[in-house]
Amino acid sequence: MNVFKLLTNFARVAPDAYGRFSSRRRVFRYLGTAGWAITHAALPSLLSGLFQKAYGQTALSGEAITVLNLALSLEYLELYYYRAGLNAGIFSAADLAAFEAIRDDEQGHVAALRAILDTAAIPDPGAAAFDYTAGGQVQPFANVTSFLALAQAFEDLGVRAYKGSLTTLLSNKAVLRVALNIHSVEARHAAHIRTLRRGGVGVAGADGGGPSDSLPTSWVSLRESNGSLPILTAAIYGPGTVAASPAEDNLVQARVNVLVNSTSPSPNLVLTAAAASEAFDEPLDTQQVRTIARQFVAAGNSQGLFITK
């Protein structure tokens, strides 16, 4: 494990962390107190201690702790999924580096959230806590097509979940900044995976256009035909349990129907419902996020993942 790479990844998530130490030199001075004979197993704990120093004085409300632990649970769901996919040997050489980078991003997200939560963070559930077959309904590690289908679902869920939690974090600007950075990284993951599935880099049998599509859509459009695995993913694109979480095909923004009230800059340009919905991301409330994510928790899991406390 490359410590410099991990620090770089963390800086992408929490760019103000170094500023909390006054300089990067202090970061490495802290690392130096532990010596440079750092093992693969010890490094995550060392980094966690480092960034707890940066964020340890960040006061969190009980509600903020709840939503951040939900976000952390989702990051573990994704991290162990990408680790399993990389171990399955299903990626081409061209795609391997990209998914290694995505895995590293998820590891950085886990480290950032654990640093902010400190002792309030949930324990690492471990890979055995998750059942990515959803009780045998899917086989995501059989081939890259199956893997990408579920990866897209997880990333899209994460994007909506982060947006749904942002209002809870508004009073804490430092934490809000980290959450917004993670949200943007998850959105880029989703865009890359959707482009792969739609043939952007020649994935055979991709839906929504396929390899002949010279401009593959890399963003959510309407309800995505209930997602890549409708029996499991329809709710990711549908409405939440509260009015503030409309479905992804929502056309009303700030109480204005953007389709009905739009004016075209050209008589030859017609705004469609799909185009109008694609212009906005919709939040998803925590109750609905938990319901969706629990489909992938192993039976008998004792970690309490995605359970309302």
C-alpha atoms as a PDB file:
ATOM      1  CA  MET A   1       0.000   0.000   0.000  1.00  0.00           C
ATOM      2  CA  ASN A   2       1.378   3.382  -1.047  1.00  0.00           C
ATOM      3  CA  VAL A   3       1.075   5.954   1.759  1.00  0.00           C
ATOM      4  CA  PHE A   4       1.542   8.886  -0.615  1.00  0.00           C
ATOM      5  CA  LYS A   5      -1.232   7.585  -2.868  1.00  0.00           C
ATOM      6  CA  LEU A   6      -3.585   7.199   0.082  1.00  0.00           C
ATOM      7  CA  LEU A   7      -2.829  10.699   1.312  1.00  0.00           C
ATOM      8  CA  THR A   8      -3.493  12.046  -2.172  1.00  0.00           C
ATOM      9  CA  ASN A   9      -6.799  10.173  -2.341  1.00  0.00           C
ATOM     10  CA  PHE A  10      -7.767  11.511   1.067  1.00  0.00           C
ATOM     11  CA  ALA A  11      -6.936  15.049   0.014  1.00  0.00           C
ATOM     12  CA  ARG A  12      -9.407  14.685  -2.853  1.00  0.00           C
ATOM     13  CA  VAL A  13     -12.135  13.936  -0.317  1.00  0.00           C
ATOM     14  CA  ALA A  14     -11.119  16.335   2.465  1.00  0.00           C
ATOM     15  CA  PRO A  15      -9.038  19.101   0.867  1.00  0.00           C
ATOM     16  CA  ASP A  16      -9.104  21.186   4.045  1.00  0.00           C
ATOM     17  CA  ALA A  17      -7.550  18.440   6.188  1.00  0.00           C
ATOM     18  CA  TYR A  18      -3.981  19.540   5.529  1.00  0.00           C
ATOM     19  CA  GLY A  19      -4.917  23.096   6.379  1.00  0.00           C
ATOM     20  CA  ARG A  20      -5.991  21.930   9.809  1.00  0.00           C
ATOM     21  CA  PHE A  21      -2.372  20.881  10.397  1.00  0.00           C
ATOM     22  CA  SER A  22      -1.070  24.223   9.065  1.00  0.00           C
ATOM     23  CA  SER A  23       1.087  22.403   6.530  1.00  0.00           C
ATOM     24  CA  ARG A  24       1.700  19.044   4.889  1.00  0.00           C
ATOM     25  CA  ARG A  25       5.051  18.991   6.677  1.00  0.00           C
ATOM     26  CA  ARG A  26       3.200  18.473   9.951  1.00  0.00           C
ATOM     27  CA  VAL A  27       1.337  15.556   8.413  1.00  0.00           C
ATOM     28  CA  PHE A  28       4.580  13.772   7.642  1.00  0.00           C
ATOM     29  CA  ARG A  29       6.051  14.780  11.004  1.00  0.00           C
ATOM     30  CA  TYR A  30       3.102  12.983  12.617  1.00  0.00           C
ATOM     31  CA  LEU A  31       3.663   9.941  10.427  1.00  0.00           C
ATOM     32  CA  GLY A  32       7.340  10.048  11.286  1.00  0.00           C
ATOM     33  CA  THR A  33       6.622   9.531  14.995  1.00  0.00           C
ATOM     34  CA  ALA A  34       5.405   6.046  14.090  1.00  0.00           C
ATOM     35  CA  GLY A  35       8.449   5.317  11.968  1.00  0.00           C
ATOM     36  CA  TRP A  36       8.412   4.409   8.299  1.00  0.00           C
ATOM     37  CA  ALA A  37       8.278   0.653   8.839  1.00  0.00           C
ATOM     38  CA  ILE A  38       4.507   0.764   8.333  1.00  0.00           C
ATOM     39  CA  THR A  39       2.803  -2.526   7.540  1.00  0.00           C
ATOM     40  CA  HIS A  40      -0.095  -2.942   5.141  1.00  0.00           C
ATOM     41  CA  ALA A  41      -2.401  -3.786   8.051  1.00  0.00           C
ATOM     42  CA  ALA A  42      -1.272  -0.928  10.303  1.00  0.00           C
ATOM     43  CA  LEU A  43      -1.445   1.893   7.784  1.00  0.00           C
ATOM     44  CA  PRO A  44      -5.256   2.415   7.814  1.00  0.00           C
ATOM     45  CA  SER A  45      -5.223   2.769  11.607  1.00  0.00           C
ATOM     46  CA  LEU A  46      -2.328   5.201  11.413  1.00  0.00           C
ATOM     47  CA  LEU A  47      -4.110   7.358   8.855  1.00  0.00           C
ATOM     48  CA  SER A  48      -7.302   7.215  10.898  1.00  0.00           C
ATOM     49  CA  GLY A  49      -5.423   8.591  13.899  1.00  0.00           C
ATOM     50  CA  LEU A  50      -3.873  11.293  11.741  1.00  0.00           C
ATOM     51  CA  PHE A  51      -7.152  12.622  10.409  1.00  0.00           C
ATOM     52  CA  GLN A  52      -8.908  12.287  13.741  1.00  0.00           C
ATOM     53  CA  LYS A  53      -6.417  14.942  14.833  1.00  0.00           C
ATOM     54  CA  ALA A  54      -7.645  17.107  11.977  1.00  0.00           C
ATOM     55  CA  TYR A  55     -11.355  16.602  12.609  1.00  0.00           C
ATOM     56  CA  GLY A  56     -11.462  15.478  16.229  1.00  0.00           C
ATOM     57  CA  GLN A  57     -12.783  18.816  17.469  1.00  0.00           C
ATOM     58  CA  THR A  58     -15.648  18.880  14.952  1.00  0.00           C
ATOM     59  CA  ALA A  59     -18.887  18.924  16.958  1.00  0.00           C
ATOM     60  CA  LEU A  60     -21.631  16.710  15.549  1.00  0.00           C
ATOM     61  CA  SER A  61     -25.311  16.603  16.406  1.00  0.00           C
ATOM     62  CA  GLY A  62     -27.018  13.272  16.976  1.00  0.00           C
ATOM     63  CA  GLU A  63     -28.787  13.606  13.630  1.00  0.00           C
ATOM     64  CA  ALA A  64     -25.507  14.324  11.859  1.00  0.00           C
ATOM     65  CA  ILE A  65     -23.929  11.240  13.439  1.00  0.00           C
ATOM     66  CA  THR A  66     -26.847   9.152  12.182  1.00  0.00           C
ATOM     67  CA  VAL A  67     -26.595  10.318   8.570  1.00  0.00           C
ATOM     68  CA  LEU A  68     -22.789  10.122   8.533  1.00  0.00           C
ATOM     69  CA  ASN A  69     -22.905   6.543   9.824  1.00  0.00           C
ATOM     70  CA  LEU A  70     -25.431   5.713   7.117  1.00  0.00           C
ATOM     71  CA  ALA A  71     -22.997   7.190   4.591  1.00  0.00           C
ATOM     72  CA  LEU A  72     -20.184   5.154   6.146  1.00  0.00           C
ATOM     73  CA  SER A  73     -22.290   1.991   5.855  1.00  0.00           C
ATOM     74  CA  LEU A  74     -22.802   2.696   2.150  1.00  0.00           C
ATOM     75  CA  GLU A  75     -19.085   3.257   1.686  1.00  0.00           C
ATOM     76  CA  TYR A  76     -18.351  -0.119   3.262  1.00  0.00           C
ATOM     77  CA  LEU A  77     -20.964  -1.674   0.964  1.00  0.00           C
ATOM     78  CA  GLU A  78     -19.129  -0.232  -2.033  1.00  0.00           C
ATOM     79  CA  LEU A  79     -15.590  -0.805  -0.788  1.00  0.00           C
ATOM     80  CA  TYR A  80     -16.076  -4.529  -0.211  1.00  0.00           C
ATOM     81  CA  TYR A  81     -17.946  -4.838  -3.498  1.00  0.00           C
ATOM     82  CA  TYR A  82     -15.055  -3.399  -5.489  1.00  0.00           C
ATOM     83  CA  ARG A  83     -12.547  -5.489  -3.571  1.00  0.00           C
ATOM     84  CA  ALA A  84     -14.526  -8.632  -4.394  1.00  0.00           C
ATOM     85  CA  GLY A  85     -14.827  -7.626  -8.041  1.00  0.00           C
ATOM     86  CA  LEU A  86     -11.099  -7.041  -8.362  1.00  0.00           C
ATOM     87  CA  ASN A  87     -10.428 -10.414  -6.758  1.00  0.00           C
ATOM     88  CA  ALA A  88     -12.830 -12.115  -9.194  1.00  0.00           C
ATOM     89  CA  GLY A  89     -10.495 -11.506 -12.149  1.00  0.00           C
ATOM     90  CA  ILE A  90     -13.281 -10.263 -14.449  1.00  0.00           C
ATOM     91  CA  PHE A  91     -11.741  -6.992 -15.651  1.00  0.00           C
ATOM     92  CA  SER A  92      -9.757  -6.403 -18.792  1.00  0.00           C
ATOM     93  CA  ALA A  93      -6.347  -4.826 -18.469  1.00  0.00           C
ATOM     94  CA  ALA A  94      -7.802  -1.591 -19.841  1.00  0.00           C
ATOM     95  CA  ASP A  95     -10.423  -1.375 -17.073  1.00  0.00           C
ATOM     96  CA  LEU A  96      -8.402  -2.769 -14.182  1.00  0.00           C
ATOM     97  CA  ALA A  97      -6.646   0.478 -13.287  1.00  0.00           C
ATOM     98  CA  ALA A  98      -9.917   2.422 -13.271  1.00  0.00           C
ATOM     99  CA  PHE A  99     -11.555   0.052 -10.808  1.00  0.00           C
ATOM    100  CA  GLU A 100      -8.471  -0.018  -8.627  1.00  0.00           C
ATOM    101  CA  ALA A 101      -8.751   3.778  -8.478  1.00  0.00           C
ATOM    102  CA  ILE A 102     -12.456   3.561  -7.611  1.00  0.00           C
ATOM    103  CA  ARG A 103     -11.675   1.056  -4.853  1.00  0.00           C
ATOM    104  CA  ASP A 104      -9.029   3.415  -3.483  1.00  0.00           C
ATOM    105  CA  ASP A 105     -11.542   6.272  -3.569  1.00  0.00           C
ATOM    106  CA  GLU A 106     -13.988   4.218  -1.500  1.00  0.00           C
ATOM    107  CA  GLN A 107     -11.235   3.428   0.985  1.00  0.00           C
ATOM    108  CA  GLY A 108     -10.502   7.144   1.231  1.00  0.00           C
ATOM    109  CA  HIS A 109     -14.190   7.855   1.845  1.00  0.00           C
ATOM    110  CA  VAL A 110     -14.253   5.326   4.667  1.00  0.00           C
ATOM    111  CA  ALA A 111     -11.161   6.903   6.222  1.00  0.00           C
ATOM    112  CA  ALA A 112     -12.612  10.412   5.942  1.00  0.00           C
ATOM    113  CA  LEU A 113     -15.953   9.510   7.503  1.00  0.00           C
ATOM    114  CA  ARG A 114     -14.346   7.498  10.297  1.00  0.00           C
ATOM    115  CA  ALA A 115     -12.039  10.417  11.049  1.00  0.00           C
ATOM    116  CA  ILE A 116     -14.966  12.831  11.329  1.00  0.00           C
ATOM    117  CA  LEU A 117     -17.113  10.460  13.397  1.00  0.00           C
ATOM    118  CA  ASP A 118     -14.207   9.355  15.605  1.00  0.00           C
ATOM    119  CA  THR A 119     -15.559   7.145  18.423  1.00  0.00           C
ATOM    120  CA  ALA A 120     -19.148   7.553  17.149  1.00  0.00           C
ATOM    121  CA  ALA A 121     -18.326   5.618  13.954  1.00  0.00           C
ATOM    122  CA  ILE A 122     -19.888   2.202  13.445  1.00  0.00           C
ATOM    123  CA  PRO A 123     -17.420  -0.717  13.539  1.00  0.00           C
ATOM    124  CA  ASP A 124     -16.028  -2.037  10.282  1.00  0.00           C
ATOM    125  CA  PRO A 125     -18.611  -4.711   9.378  1.00  0.00           C
ATOM    126  CA  GLY A 126     -16.180  -6.781   7.299  1.00  0.00           C
ATOM    127  CA  ALA A 127     -16.792  -8.334   3.899  1.00  0.00           C
ATOM    128  CA  ALA A 128     -18.891 -11.162   5.354  1.00  0.00           C
ATOM    129  CA  ALA A 129     -21.575  -8.670   6.401  1.00  0.00           C
ATOM    130  CA  PHE A 130     -22.680  -8.240   2.786  1.00  0.00           C
ATOM    131  CA  ASP A 131     -24.482 -10.552   0.386  1.00  0.00           C
ATOM    132  CA  TYR A 132     -24.074  -9.077  -3.065  1.00  0.00           C
ATOM    133  CA  THR A 133     -26.261 -11.795  -4.573  1.00  0.00           C
ATOM    134  CA  ALA A 134     -29.235 -10.426  -2.583  1.00  0.00           C
ATOM    135  CA  GLY A 135     -30.175 -13.904  -1.465  1.00  0.00           C
ATOM    136  CA  GLY A 136     -29.241 -15.534  -4.774  1.00  0.00           C
ATOM    137  CA  GLN A 137     -31.209 -13.156  -6.992  1.00  0.00           C
ATOM    138  CA  VAL A 138     -28.130 -11.933  -8.901  1.00  0.00           C
ATOM    139  CA  GLN A 139     -24.598 -13.150  -9.585  1.00  0.00           C
ATOM    140  CA  PRO A 140     -22.569  -9.921  -9.861  1.00  0.00           C
ATOM    141  CA  PHE A 141     -19.140 -11.552 -10.012  1.00  0.00           C
ATOM    142  CA  ALA A 142     -19.933 -13.955 -12.852  1.00  0.00           C
ATOM    143  CA  ASN A 143     -18.749 -11.488 -15.504  1.00  0.00           C
ATOM    144  CA  VAL A 144     -18.013  -7.800 -15.960  1.00  0.00           C
ATOM    145  CA  THR A 145     -21.484  -7.038 -17.375  1.00  0.00           C
ATOM    146  CA  SER A 146     -23.178  -8.325 -14.225  1.00  0.00           C
ATOM    147  CA  PHE A 147     -20.661  -6.545 -12.023  1.00  0.00           C
ATOM    148  CA  LEU A 148     -21.202  -3.188 -13.711  1.00  0.00           C
ATOM    149  CA  ALA A 149     -24.979  -3.486 -13.455  1.00  0.00           C
ATOM    150  CA  LEU A 150     -24.877  -3.695  -9.664  1.00  0.00           C
ATOM    151  CA  ALA A 151     -21.997  -1.193  -9.384  1.00  0.00           C
ATOM    152  CA  GLN A 152     -24.118   1.403 -11.181  1.00  0.00           C
ATOM    153  CA  ALA A 153     -26.967   0.767  -8.744  1.00  0.00           C
ATOM    154  CA  PHE A 154     -24.705   1.237  -5.708  1.00  0.00           C
ATOM    155  CA  GLU A 155     -23.166   4.440  -7.055  1.00  0.00           C
ATOM    156  CA  ASP A 156     -26.529   5.936  -8.024  1.00  0.00           C
ATOM    157  CA  LEU A 157     -27.881   5.083  -4.582  1.00  0.00           C
ATOM    158  CA  GLY A 158     -24.884   6.745  -2.957  1.00  0.00           C
ATOM    159  CA  VAL A 159     -25.320   9.930  -4.980  1.00  0.00           C
ATOM    160  CA  ARG A 160     -28.973  10.266  -3.977  1.00  0.00           C
ATOM    161  CA  ALA A 161     -28.218   9.352  -0.360  1.00  0.00           C
ATOM    162  CA  TYR A 162     -25.534  12.015  -0.001  1.00  0.00           C
ATOM    163  CA  LYS A 163     -27.783  14.668  -1.510  1.00  0.00           C
ATOM    164  CA  GLY A 164     -30.562  13.649   0.854  1.00  0.00           C
ATOM    165  CA  SER A 165     -28.297  14.095   3.872  1.00  0.00           C
ATOM    166  CA  LEU A 166     -26.786  17.473   3.029  1.00  0.00           C
ATOM    167  CA  THR A 167     -29.433  19.594   4.746  1.00  0.00           C
ATOM    168  CA  THR A 168     -28.619  17.830   8.022  1.00  0.00           C
ATOM    169  CA  LEU A 169     -24.994  18.943   7.721  1.00  0.00           C
ATOM    170  CA  LEU A 170     -25.577  22.582   6.759  1.00  0.00           C
ATOM    171  CA  SER A 171     -24.687  23.878  10.204  1.00  0.00           C
ATOM    172  CA  ASN A 172     -21.240  22.263  10.116  1.00  0.00           C
ATOM    173  CA  LYS A 173     -19.352  23.710   7.170  1.00  0.00           C
ATOM    174  CA  ALA A 174     -16.227  21.557   7.556  1.00  0.00           C
ATOM    175  CA  VAL A 175     -18.209  18.325   7.522  1.00  0.00           C
ATOM    176  CA  LEU A 176     -20.505  19.599   4.769  1.00  0.00           C
ATOM    177  CA  ARG A 177     -17.453  20.281   2.586  1.00  0.00           C
ATOM    178  CA  VAL A 178     -16.250  16.699   2.990  1.00  0.00           C
ATOM    179  CA  ALA A 179     -19.718  15.305   2.229  1.00  0.00           C
ATOM    180  CA  LEU A 180     -19.995  17.422  -0.913  1.00  0.00           C
ATOM    181  CA  ASN A 181     -16.594  16.228  -2.115  1.00  0.00           C
ATOM    182  CA  ILE A 182     -17.549  12.591  -1.550  1.00  0.00           C
ATOM    183  CA  HIS A 183     -20.861  13.213  -3.333  1.00  0.00           C
ATOM    184  CA  SER A 184     -19.031  14.556  -6.388  1.00  0.00           C
ATOM    185  CA  VAL A 185     -16.634  11.593  -6.478  1.00  0.00           C
ATOM    186  CA  GLU A 186     -19.530   9.118  -6.252  1.00  0.00           C
ATOM    187  CA  ALA A 187     -21.207  10.921  -9.153  1.00  0.00           C
ATOM    188  CA  ARG A 188     -18.040  10.561 -11.253  1.00  0.00           C
ATOM    189  CA  HIS A 189     -17.910   6.859 -10.413  1.00  0.00           C
ATOM    190  CA  ALA A 190     -21.531   6.493 -11.532  1.00  0.00           C
ATOM    191  CA  ALA A 191     -20.834   8.349 -14.776  1.00  0.00           C
ATOM    192  CA  HIS A 192     -17.832   6.167 -15.604  1.00  0.00           C
ATOM    193  CA  ILE A 193     -19.691   2.940 -14.887  1.00  0.00           C
ATOM    194  CA  ARG A 194     -22.763   4.008 -16.846  1.00  0.00           C
ATOM    195  CA  THR A 195     -20.565   4.940 -19.800  1.00  0.00           C
ATOM    196  CA  LEU A 196     -18.970   1.493 -19.690  1.00  0.00           C
ATOM    197  CA  ARG A 197     -22.376  -0.195 -19.589  1.00  0.00           C
ATOM    198  CA  ARG A 198     -23.632   1.857 -22.494  1.00  0.00           C
ATOM    199  CA  GLY A 199     -20.736   1.017 -24.739  1.00  0.00           C
ATOM    200  CA  GLY A 200     -18.580   4.075 -24.243  1.00  0.00           C
ATOM    201  CA  VAL A 201     -15.445   1.947 -24.285  1.00  0.00           C
ATOM    202  CA  GLY A 202     -16.740  -0.983 -26.279  1.00  0.00           C
ATOM    203  CA  VAL A 203     -18.495  -3.164 -23.680  1.00  0.00           C
ATOM    204  CA  ALA A 204     -20.262  -5.862 -25.676  1.00  0.00           C
ATOM    205  CA  GLY A 205     -24.020  -6.075 -25.109  1.00  0.00           C
ATOM    206  CA  ALA A 206     -24.241  -2.800 -23.226  1.00  0.00           C
ATOM    207  CA  ASP A 207     -27.718  -1.340 -22.968  1.00  0.00           C
ATOM    208  CA  GLY A 208     -28.907   2.176 -23.727  1.00  0.00           C
ATOM    209  CA  GLY A 209     -27.004   2.521 -26.990  1.00  0.00           C
ATOM    210  CA  GLY A 210     -24.251  -0.055 -27.109  1.00  0.00           C
ATOM    211  CA  PRO A 211     -20.849   0.223 -28.780  1.00  0.00           C
ATOM    212  CA  SER A 212     -22.284   2.019 -31.822  1.00  0.00           C
ATOM    213  CA  ASP A 213     -23.412   4.956 -29.670  1.00  0.00           C
ATOM    214  CA  SER A 214     -20.775   7.635 -30.262  1.00  0.00           C
ATOM    215  CA  LEU A 215     -22.058   9.780 -27.368  1.00  0.00           C
ATOM    216  CA  PRO A 216     -23.141   7.449 -24.567  1.00  0.00           C
ATOM    217  CA  THR A 217     -25.281   8.999 -21.869  1.00  0.00           C
ATOM    218  CA  SER A 218     -23.399   9.042 -18.604  1.00  0.00           C
ATOM    219  CA  TRP A 219     -26.042  10.590 -16.358  1.00  0.00           C
ATOM    220  CA  VAL A 220     -29.369   9.483 -14.901  1.00  0.00           C
ATOM    221  CA  SER A 221     -32.336   9.932 -17.244  1.00  0.00           C
ATOM    222  CA  LEU A 222     -35.894   9.766 -15.896  1.00  0.00           C
ATOM    223  CA  ARG A 223     -36.255   6.572 -13.817  1.00  0.00           C
ATOM    224  CA  GLU A 224     -33.627   4.624 -15.771  1.00  0.00           C
ATOM    225  CA  SER A 225     -36.264   2.028 -16.742  1.00  0.00           C
ATOM    226  CA  ASN A 226     -36.185   1.008 -13.064  1.00  0.00           C
ATOM    227  CA  GLY A 227     -32.450   0.502 -13.129  1.00  0.00           C
ATOM    228  CA  SER A 228     -30.130  -2.219 -14.242  1.00  0.00           C
ATOM    229  CA  LEU A 229     -31.734  -4.908 -12.048  1.00  0.00           C
ATOM    230  CA  PRO A 230     -35.375  -3.782 -11.677  1.00  0.00           C
ATOM    231  CA  ILE A 231     -36.349  -6.270  -8.987  1.00  0.00           C
ATOM    232  CA  LEU A 232     -33.647  -4.778  -6.758  1.00  0.00           C
ATOM    233  CA  THR A 233     -33.010  -1.322  -8.171  1.00  0.00           C
ATOM    234  CA  ALA A 234     -36.365   0.261  -9.088  1.00  0.00           C
ATOM    235  CA  ALA A 235     -36.594   2.016  -5.729  1.00  0.00           C
ATOM    236  CA  ILE A 236     -33.233   3.723  -6.304  1.00  0.00           C
ATOM    237  CA  TYR A 237     -34.844   5.840  -9.023  1.00  0.00           C
ATOM    238  CA  GLY A 238     -38.336   6.115  -7.542  1.00  0.00           C
ATOM    239  CA  PRO A 239     -39.728   8.400  -4.847  1.00  0.00           C
ATOM    240  CA  GLY A 240     -38.661   8.222  -1.235  1.00  0.00           C
ATOM    241  CA  THR A 241     -40.843   8.069   1.826  1.00  0.00           C
ATOM    242  CA  VAL A 242     -41.125  11.858   2.209  1.00  0.00           C
ATOM    243  CA  ALA A 243     -42.241  14.619  -0.132  1.00  0.00           C
ATOM    244  CA  ALA A 244     -38.716  16.054  -0.193  1.00  0.00           C
ATOM    245  CA  SER A 245     -37.519  12.911  -2.018  1.00  0.00           C
ATOM    246  CA  PRO A 246     -39.277  12.873  -5.406  1.00  0.00           C
ATOM    247  CA  ALA A 247     -38.496  10.299  -8.069  1.00  0.00           C
ATOM    248  CA  GLU A 248     -35.688  10.899 -10.560  1.00  0.00           C
ATOM    249  CA  ASP A 249     -38.228  11.760 -13.284  1.00  0.00           C
ATOM    250  CA  ASN A 250     -39.376  14.772 -11.245  1.00  0.00           C
ATOM    251  CA  LEU A 251     -39.995  17.890 -13.350  1.00  0.00           C
ATOM    252  CA  VAL A 252     -40.962  20.312 -10.571  1.00  0.00           C
ATOM    253  CA  GLN A 253     -38.162  22.426  -9.140  1.00  0.00           C
ATOM    254  CA  ALA A 254     -38.861  25.208  -6.623  1.00  0.00           C
ATOM    255  CA  ARG A 255     -42.583  24.567  -7.257  1.00  0.00           C
ATOM    256  CA  VAL A 256     -42.164  25.289 -10.963  1.00  0.00           C
ATOM    257  CA  ASN A 257     -42.673  22.680 -13.677  1.00  0.00           C
ATOM    258  CA  VAL A 258     -39.529  23.247 -15.708  1.00  0.00           C
ATOM    259  CA  LEU A 259     -40.951  21.483 -18.757  1.00  0.00           C
ATOM    260  CA  VAL A 260     -44.215  23.421 -18.933  1.00  0.00           C
ATOM    261  CA  ASN A 261     -42.616  26.776 -18.143  1.00  0.00           C
ATOM    262  CA  SER A 262     -39.514  26.482 -20.295  1.00  0.00           C
ATOM    263  CA  THR A 263     -38.844  28.592 -23.361  1.00  0.00           C
ATOM    264  CA  SER A 264     -36.788  27.184 -26.200  1.00  0.00           C
ATOM    265  CA  PRO A 265     -33.831  29.212 -27.508  1.00  0.00           C
ATOM    266  CA  SER A 266     -34.558  27.813 -30.957  1.00  0.00           C
ATOM    267  CA  PRO A 267     -37.798  26.912 -32.761  1.00  0.00           C
ATOM    268  CA  ASN A 268     -36.123  23.660 -33.821  1.00  0.00           C
ATOM    269  CA  LEU A 269     -35.232  22.655 -30.258  1.00  0.00           C
ATOM    270  CA  VAL A 270     -37.907  20.854 -28.264  1.00  0.00           C
ATOM    271  CA  LEU A 271     -37.302  20.292 -24.566  1.00  0.00           C
ATOM    272  CA  THR A 272     -38.282  16.777 -23.579  1.00  0.00           C
ATOM    273  CA  ALA A 273     -39.246  15.370 -20.191  1.00  0.00           C
ATOM    274  CA  ALA A 274     -36.053  13.308 -20.251  1.00  0.00           C
ATOM    275  CA  ALA A 275     -33.874  16.373 -20.845  1.00  0.00           C
ATOM    276  CA  ALA A 276     -35.688  18.341 -18.140  1.00  0.00           C
ATOM    277  CA  SER A 277     -35.290  15.580 -15.564  1.00  0.00           C
ATOM    278  CA  GLU A 278     -31.614  15.072 -16.438  1.00  0.00           C
ATOM    279  CA  ALA A 279     -30.868  18.660 -15.423  1.00  0.00           C
ATOM    280  CA  PHE A 280     -31.449  17.917 -11.720  1.00  0.00           C
ATOM    281  CA  ASP A 281     -30.336  15.326  -9.183  1.00  0.00           C
ATOM    282  CA  GLU A 282     -32.960  14.250  -6.660  1.00  0.00           C
ATOM    283  CA  PRO A 283     -32.270  13.470  -2.981  1.00  0.00           C
ATOM    284  CA  LEU A 284     -33.354  10.267  -1.273  1.00  0.00           C
ATOM    285  CA  ASP A 285     -34.336  10.099   2.370  1.00  0.00           C
ATOM    286  CA  THR A 286     -32.489   7.915   4.868  1.00  0.00           C
ATOM    287  CA  GLN A 287     -35.400   5.534   5.489  1.00  0.00           C
ATOM    288  CA  GLN A 288     -35.632   4.618   1.803  1.00  0.00           C
ATOM    289  CA  VAL A 289     -31.847   4.347   1.496  1.00  0.00           C
ATOM    290  CA  ARG A 290     -31.782   1.865   4.374  1.00  0.00           C
ATOM    291  CA  THR A 291     -34.609  -0.190   2.868  1.00  0.00           C
ATOM    292  CA  ILE A 292     -32.781  -0.493  -0.457  1.00  0.00           C
ATOM    293  CA  ALA A 293     -29.371  -1.226   1.049  1.00  0.00           C
ATOM    294  CA  ARG A 294     -30.662  -3.909   3.434  1.00  0.00           C
ATOM    295  CA  GLN A 295     -31.271  -6.127   0.407  1.00  0.00           C
ATOM    296  CA  PHE A 296     -27.509  -6.640   0.293  1.00  0.00           C
ATOM    297  CA  VAL A 297     -26.863  -7.343   3.974  1.00  0.00           C
ATOM    298  CA  ALA A 298     -26.066 -10.984   4.705  1.00  0.00           C
ATOM    299  CA  ALA A 299     -28.696 -12.931   6.609  1.00  0.00           C
ATOM    300  CA  GLY A 300     -27.907 -13.043  10.303  1.00  0.00           C
ATOM    301  CA  ASN A 301     -25.523 -10.097  10.085  1.00  0.00           C
ATOM    302  CA  SER A 302     -24.959  -8.843  13.614  1.00  0.00           C
ATOM    303  CA  GLN A 303     -23.464  -5.445  12.765  1.00  0.00           C
ATOM    304  CA  GLY A 304     -26.807  -3.640  12.612  1.00  0.00           C
ATOM    305  CA  LEU A 305     -26.102  -2.186   9.161  1.00  0.00           C
ATOM    306  CA  PHE A 306     -28.818   0.070   7.744  1.00  0.00           C
ATOM    307  CA  ILE A 307     -31.059  -0.457  10.777  1.00  0.00           C
ATOM    308  CA  THR A 308     -32.713   2.603  12.287  1.00  0.00           C
ATOM    309  CA  LYS A 309     -31.495   3.102  15.847  1.00  0.00           C
END
